[in-house]
Protein backbone atom coordinates (compact mmCIF):
# COMPACT_ATOMS: atom_id res chain seq x y z
CA MET A 1 8.81 18.33 -7.23
CA LEU A 2 6.55 17.85 -4.29
CA THR A 3 7.36 15.03 -1.88
CA VAL A 4 5.22 13.72 0.98
CA THR A 5 6.33 11.91 4.10
CA ILE A 6 3.61 8.88 4.45
CA SER A 7 3.50 7.73 7.91
CA ASP A 8 1.17 5.78 10.48
CA GLN A 9 -1.62 3.39 9.45
CA LEU A 10 -3.12 3.12 5.98
CA GLY A 11 -5.96 5.56 6.05
CA ASN A 12 -3.26 8.16 7.10
CA GLN A 13 -1.06 7.33 4.46
CA MET A 14 -4.03 7.26 1.96
CA PHE A 15 -4.89 10.77 2.82
CA ALA A 16 -1.59 12.43 3.01
CA TYR A 17 -0.85 10.91 -0.39
CA ALA A 18 -3.83 11.62 -2.10
CA SER A 19 -3.94 15.43 -0.66
CA VAL A 20 -0.27 16.17 -2.00
CA LYS A 21 -0.31 14.14 -5.10
CA THR A 22 -3.40 16.29 -6.23
CA ILE A 23 -1.78 19.36 -5.16
CA ALA A 24 0.90 18.69 -7.17
CA GLN A 25 -0.74 17.53 -10.35
CA ASN A 26 -2.72 20.95 -10.07
CA ARG A 27 0.44 22.76 -10.11
CA GLY A 28 2.14 20.46 -13.05
CA GLU A 29 4.83 19.17 -10.80
CA THR A 30 6.11 15.78 -10.19
CA PHE A 31 5.40 13.86 -7.03
CA GLY A 32 6.78 11.22 -4.89
CA PHE A 33 6.60 10.13 -1.40
CA VAL A 34 8.98 8.66 1.18
CA ARG A 35 8.53 6.46 4.26
CA ALA A 36 8.31 8.08 7.88
CA LYS A 37 10.37 5.66 10.31
CA ASN A 38 7.54 4.72 12.89
CA ASN A 39 5.71 1.74 14.16
CA LEU A 40 2.36 3.18 14.71
CA ILE A 41 0.64 0.56 12.81
CA ASN A 42 -2.25 -1.04 14.41
CA ASP A 43 -3.22 -3.68 11.45
CA THR A 44 -1.35 -5.34 8.67
CA ASP A 45 -2.63 -7.43 5.83
CA LYS A 46 -0.74 -11.25 5.89
CA GLN A 47 -0.63 -10.98 1.90
CA TYR A 48 -0.27 -7.09 0.95
CA GLY A 49 1.35 -5.86 4.28
CA ASN A 50 0.37 -2.35 5.53
CA GLU A 51 1.91 -0.14 3.05
CA ILE A 52 0.29 1.81 0.06
CA HIS A 53 3.17 1.02 -2.26
CA THR A 54 2.54 -2.83 -1.32
CA ILE A 55 -1.13 -2.77 -1.68
CA PHE A 56 -2.12 -0.57 -4.27
CA PRO A 57 -0.12 -1.21 -7.59
CA ASN A 58 -0.71 2.46 -9.26
CA THR A 59 1.45 4.08 -6.29
CA LYS A 60 4.62 1.87 -6.69
CA ALA A 61 6.42 4.04 -9.02
CA GLU A 62 6.31 7.12 -6.81
CA PHE A 63 7.61 5.23 -3.56
CA LEU A 64 11.28 6.88 -3.25
CA THR A 65 13.56 5.03 -0.71
CA LYS A 66 15.42 8.27 0.14
CA LEU A 67 14.75 12.15 0.06
CA PRO A 68 15.73 13.13 -3.49
CA THR A 69 18.63 15.98 -3.12
CA ALA A 70 16.47 18.39 -5.13
CA ILE A 71 14.30 18.70 -2.11
CA THR A 72 15.53 21.91 -0.60
CA HIS A 73 12.13 23.19 1.16
CA THR A 74 9.96 21.66 4.09
CA TRP A 75 6.14 22.63 5.07
CA GLU A 76 4.60 21.19 8.10
CA GLU A 77 0.86 21.16 8.78
CA PRO A 78 0.02 22.87 12.00
CA PRO A 79 -0.55 20.86 14.99
CA LEU A 80 -4.50 19.98 15.65
CA GLY A 81 -4.94 22.25 18.31
CA GLU A 82 -3.35 25.33 16.47
CA ARG A 83 -5.78 25.13 13.14
CA THR A 84 -9.39 25.72 12.45
CA ALA A 85 -9.80 23.32 9.85
CA ASN A 86 -7.35 20.44 8.10
CA TYR A 87 -7.41 21.80 4.94
CA GLN A 88 -4.64 24.46 4.81
CA PRO A 89 -4.57 27.19 1.90
CA SER A 90 -0.70 27.52 2.58
CA ALA A 91 0.05 24.16 1.36
CA LEU A 92 -1.25 24.90 -1.97
CA THR A 93 1.53 27.62 -2.35
CA VAL A 94 4.58 26.06 -0.94
CA PRO A 95 7.96 26.59 -3.37
CA GLU A 96 8.61 24.07 -5.66
CA ASN A 97 11.27 21.04 -4.51
CA THR A 98 9.00 20.76 -1.13
CA LEU A 99 8.85 18.10 1.40
CA MET A 100 5.27 18.24 3.11
CA LYS A 101 4.82 16.55 6.50
CA GLY A 102 1.32 15.92 8.06
CA HIS A 103 -1.48 13.69 7.41
CA PHE A 104 -3.67 16.30 5.27
CA ILE A 105 -6.96 14.49 6.53
CA SER A 106 -9.42 16.86 4.43
CA CYS A 107 -11.49 15.55 1.69
CA GLN A 108 -11.07 19.37 0.60
CA TYR A 109 -7.89 18.64 -0.72
CA PHE A 110 -8.81 16.22 -3.46
CA TRP A 111 -12.78 15.94 -3.49
CA GLU A 112 -13.07 17.38 -7.04
CA ASN A 113 -10.27 14.79 -8.10
CA ARG A 114 -11.80 11.89 -6.31
CA SER A 115 -12.24 9.97 -9.62
CA GLN A 116 -8.66 10.11 -9.93
CA VAL A 117 -7.77 9.44 -6.57
CA GLN A 118 -10.14 6.12 -6.90
CA LYS A 119 -7.75 4.94 -9.61
CA TRP A 120 -4.77 5.66 -7.95
CA PHE A 121 -5.95 3.38 -5.08
CA SER A 122 -7.24 0.65 -7.65
CA PHE A 123 -7.00 -2.80 -5.83
CA PRO A 124 -5.07 -5.69 -6.50
CA GLU A 125 -7.13 -7.72 -9.45
CA ASP A 126 -7.62 -11.02 -7.12
CA MET A 127 -8.94 -8.83 -4.31
CA GLU A 128 -11.65 -7.36 -6.78
CA LEU A 129 -12.62 -10.37 -7.90
CA THR A 130 -12.91 -12.21 -4.19
CA VAL A 131 -14.94 -9.19 -3.15
CA GLN A 132 -17.30 -8.74 -6.16
CA LYS A 133 -17.98 -12.93 -5.67
CA GLU A 134 -18.83 -12.23 -1.89
CA LEU A 135 -20.94 -9.22 -2.56
CA ALA A 136 -23.17 -11.36 -5.36
CA GLU A 137 -23.46 -14.12 -3.09
CA LEU A 138 -24.68 -11.88 -0.55
CA GLN A 139 -27.43 -10.36 -3.22
CA THR A 140 -28.54 -13.93 -3.92
CA LYS A 141 -28.63 -14.48 -0.33
CA TYR A 142 -30.62 -11.31 0.34
CA PRO A 143 -32.46 -10.54 -3.17
CA GLY A 144 -33.28 -7.09 -3.43
CA ARG A 145 -32.21 -6.05 0.08
CA PRO A 146 -29.65 -3.12 0.65
CA LEU A 147 -26.61 -4.28 1.50
CA VAL A 148 -24.92 -1.31 4.38
CA ALA A 149 -21.36 -1.69 4.84
CA THR A 150 -21.00 -0.81 8.56
CA HIS A 151 -17.58 -0.15 10.23
CA PHE A 152 -17.01 -0.17 13.71
CA ARG A 153 -13.38 1.18 15.36
CA VAL A 154 -13.69 -0.08 19.07
CA GLY A 155 -10.19 -1.89 19.62
CA ARG A 156 -7.85 -1.32 22.63
CA ASP A 157 -6.08 1.53 21.03
CA TYR A 158 -9.23 3.63 20.48
CA THR A 159 -10.37 2.95 23.92
CA GLN A 160 -7.28 3.74 25.60
CA GLN A 161 -6.38 6.58 23.76
CA GLY A 162 -9.60 8.70 23.47
CA PHE A 163 -10.66 7.95 20.31
CA ARG A 164 -13.42 5.76 20.86
CA LEU A 165 -17.23 6.85 20.05
CA ALA A 166 -20.11 6.25 22.30
CA ASP A 167 -22.06 2.87 21.37
CA ASP A 168 -25.22 4.92 20.52
CA TYR A 169 -23.64 6.21 17.23
CA TRP A 170 -23.89 3.16 15.48
CA PHE A 171 -27.61 2.69 16.86
CA HIS A 172 -28.54 6.31 15.72
CA ALA A 173 -27.06 5.45 12.22
CA ALA A 174 -28.67 2.10 11.60
CA ASP A 175 -32.25 3.67 12.64
CA GLU A 176 -31.45 6.45 10.06
CA VAL A 177 -30.72 3.85 7.24
CA LEU A 178 -34.22 2.23 8.20
CA LYS A 179 -36.14 5.35 7.67
CA ARG A 180 -34.34 5.72 4.15
CA CYS A 181 -34.48 2.38 2.83
CA LYS A 182 -36.57 -0.66 3.29
CA ASN A 183 -35.25 -4.24 4.84
CA PRO A 184 -31.39 -3.45 4.63
CA VAL A 185 -28.97 -6.00 5.77
CA PHE A 186 -25.65 -4.63 7.46
CA LEU A 187 -22.38 -5.84 6.71
CA LEU A 188 -20.25 -5.80 9.68
CA PHE A 189 -16.55 -4.74 9.68
CA TYR A 190 -14.57 -4.08 12.71
CA ASP A 191 -11.27 -4.22 14.46
CA TYR A 192 -12.38 -5.82 17.66
CA LYS A 193 -15.50 -7.88 18.80
CA ASP A 194 -16.10 -9.05 22.27
CA GLU A 195 -16.54 -12.56 23.04
CA LYS A 196 -19.90 -11.73 24.88
CA GLY A 197 -21.35 -8.21 25.13
CA GLY A 198 -20.18 -5.13 23.52
CA VAL A 199 -21.56 -2.83 20.69
CA VAL A 200 -20.73 -5.37 17.97
CA ASN A 201 -22.50 -8.25 19.30
CA ASP A 202 -25.42 -5.59 20.58
CA PHE A 203 -25.88 -4.52 17.24
CA LEU A 204 -25.80 -8.13 15.60
CA GLN A 205 -28.69 -9.16 17.89
CA LYS A 206 -30.68 -5.87 17.01
CA TYR A 207 -30.39 -5.94 13.34
CA ASP A 208 -30.12 -8.09 10.43
CA CYS A 209 -26.58 -8.34 10.00
CA GLU A 210 -23.68 -10.43 8.09
CA VAL A 211 -20.23 -10.60 9.76
CA CYS A 212 -18.18 -9.77 6.65
CA ARG A 213 -14.76 -8.86 8.24
CA GLY A 214 -11.58 -10.12 6.91
CA SER A 215 -8.07 -8.71 5.97
CA LEU A 216 -7.26 -5.08 6.11
CA VAL A 217 -7.14 -4.92 2.23
CA HIS A 218 -10.43 -7.15 2.05
CA ASP A 219 -12.32 -4.79 4.20
CA LEU A 220 -11.46 -1.58 2.66
CA CYS A 221 -12.33 -2.94 -0.90
CA MET A 222 -15.56 -4.50 0.24
CA MET A 223 -16.92 -1.46 2.46
CA SER A 224 -16.21 0.92 -0.76
CA LYS A 225 -18.34 -1.25 -2.99
CA CYS A 226 -21.55 -0.88 -1.07
CA HIS A 227 -24.00 1.77 -1.96
CA TRP A 228 -24.68 2.30 1.79
CA GLN A 229 -21.91 2.92 4.24
CA ILE A 230 -21.92 3.80 7.96
CA ILE A 231 -18.68 4.91 8.65
CA CYS A 232 -16.81 6.02 11.98
CA ASN A 233 -14.26 8.31 13.18
CA SER A 234 -11.24 6.55 11.29
CA SER A 235 -8.97 7.76 8.18
CA PHE A 236 -9.45 4.19 6.83
CA SER A 237 -13.32 4.21 7.24
CA ILE A 238 -13.46 7.76 5.68
CA MET A 239 -10.95 6.67 2.64
CA SER A 240 -13.28 3.62 2.19
CA ALA A 241 -16.30 6.22 1.55
CA VAL A 242 -13.75 8.39 -0.59
CA LEU A 243 -13.06 5.07 -2.91
CA ASN A 244 -16.81 4.53 -3.20
CA ALA A 245 -17.62 4.97 -6.84
CA ASN A 246 -21.28 4.04 -6.75
CA GLN A 247 -23.77 6.98 -8.41
CA ASP A 248 -26.41 6.41 -5.94
CA GLN A 249 -24.15 6.04 -2.65
CA THR A 250 -25.33 7.06 0.61
CA ILE A 251 -22.76 7.74 3.28
CA LEU A 252 -23.34 8.44 7.06
CA ARG A 253 -20.94 9.77 9.23
CA PRO A 254 -20.51 10.23 12.81
CA SER A 255 -21.01 14.23 13.94
CA VAL A 256 -17.54 14.36 15.90
CA TYR A 257 -14.40 12.29 15.36
CA PRO A 258 -12.65 12.54 18.76
CA VAL A 259 -9.01 12.35 19.06
CA GLY A 260 -7.91 12.18 22.66
CA LEU A 261 -8.80 15.41 24.36
CA ASP A 262 -9.35 17.11 21.29
CA PHE A 263 -11.56 16.70 18.01
CA GLN A 264 -10.61 15.97 14.36
CA LYS A 265 -11.71 19.02 12.42
CA ASP A 266 -14.81 18.67 10.80
CA ASP A 267 -13.53 19.07 7.10
CA CYS A 268 -12.08 15.57 7.37
CA PHE A 269 -15.36 14.35 5.88
CA ALA A 270 -17.27 14.99 2.78
CA GLU A 271 -19.86 17.79 2.80
CA GLU A 272 -22.59 15.82 1.18
CA TRP A 273 -22.18 12.77 3.57
CA ILE A 274 -25.02 12.59 6.41
CA SER A 275 -24.25 13.35 9.69
CA ILE A 276 -25.26 11.50 12.69
CA PRO A 277 -25.34 12.43 16.10
CA ALA A 278 -22.39 10.90 17.95
CA ARG A 279 -20.19 11.76 20.95
CA GLN A 280 -17.03 10.41 22.56
CA ASP A 281 -17.15 7.83 24.87
CA PRO A 282 -16.52 9.04 28.51
CA ALA A 283 -14.57 6.19 29.40
CA SER A 284 -12.43 6.22 26.60
CA ARG A 285 -11.89 10.22 27.05
CA GLN A 286 -11.16 9.41 31.06
CA ASN A 287 -8.54 6.59 29.93
CA CYS A 288 -6.90 9.24 27.76
CA HIS A 289 -6.45 11.67 30.86
CA ILE A 290 -5.19 8.63 33.04
CA GLN A 291 -2.41 7.86 29.96
CA ILE A 292 -1.25 11.38 29.87
CA LEU A 293 -1.26 11.70 33.62
CA LYS A 294 1.07 8.42 34.04
CA GLY A 295 3.18 9.85 31.23
CA LYS A 296 3.98 13.03 33.43
CA ILE A 297 4.68 10.91 36.47
CA LEU A 298 7.01 8.96 34.50
CA LYS A 299 8.61 11.65 33.27
CA LEU A 300 9.00 13.11 36.55
CA ILE A 301 10.83 9.70 37.97
CA ARG A 302 13.16 9.74 35.01
CA HIS A 303 14.35 13.08 35.77
């Protein structure tokens, strides 16, 4: 049996589940997951919560309330700064009865198995019906026009922790879409929008848009149904593209994925997605430096 520790936000949970379950299946072993005790949750859904086993019905049976006594080994993902890729071949050859720890944010773990991944993360029926109805209404409102799901991750946590992309990424991506298709409508999903100004409002003013932001599960579901997607540096955003089962899909992604003072490895994205020039927001990086400095000062004071 292989068991994985699921932690943090929904996208990270999904990556760990999909990666380790694929490894287990390829080895002919059973699979289960336990929830880490942490509070790094940035969003929740009023109806479905923020856990994969409360959101996706097909994952419930594998949720373990405690670690099985049969688990006698542990494998831990190397720290980001110590690895050249997120995909770790050594994860495929762990002993039986191993607890796997990490986020496993690499499409390479499960890309050949993504049709199964899409089934594992099938949405609740009522959400599927709601989203299909909304998309049908949008197609009626904009007949013949491509609908482009566009995801912004620009909230306070990203801004303060050095994760935020510079605004020009989304405009570069939209302009690339305009080169590839005629008269698109951009469907906007975001974690935060300023009352006035800011990248989301600037984008709204420049392009034909519809704000489609809803709940956590709604947005993941709706983004995954669009033939065109502009994703960002977010495991949630990436997973919406992984769940996209359209045969003629076009996915645009940022060329970089800033993570504080480091960068996520490129294999977090699928190879066939279109890379759009992107850079870390300088102010966000500076904020990260300040947060680290404050932490060091507080540590000195406490000692």
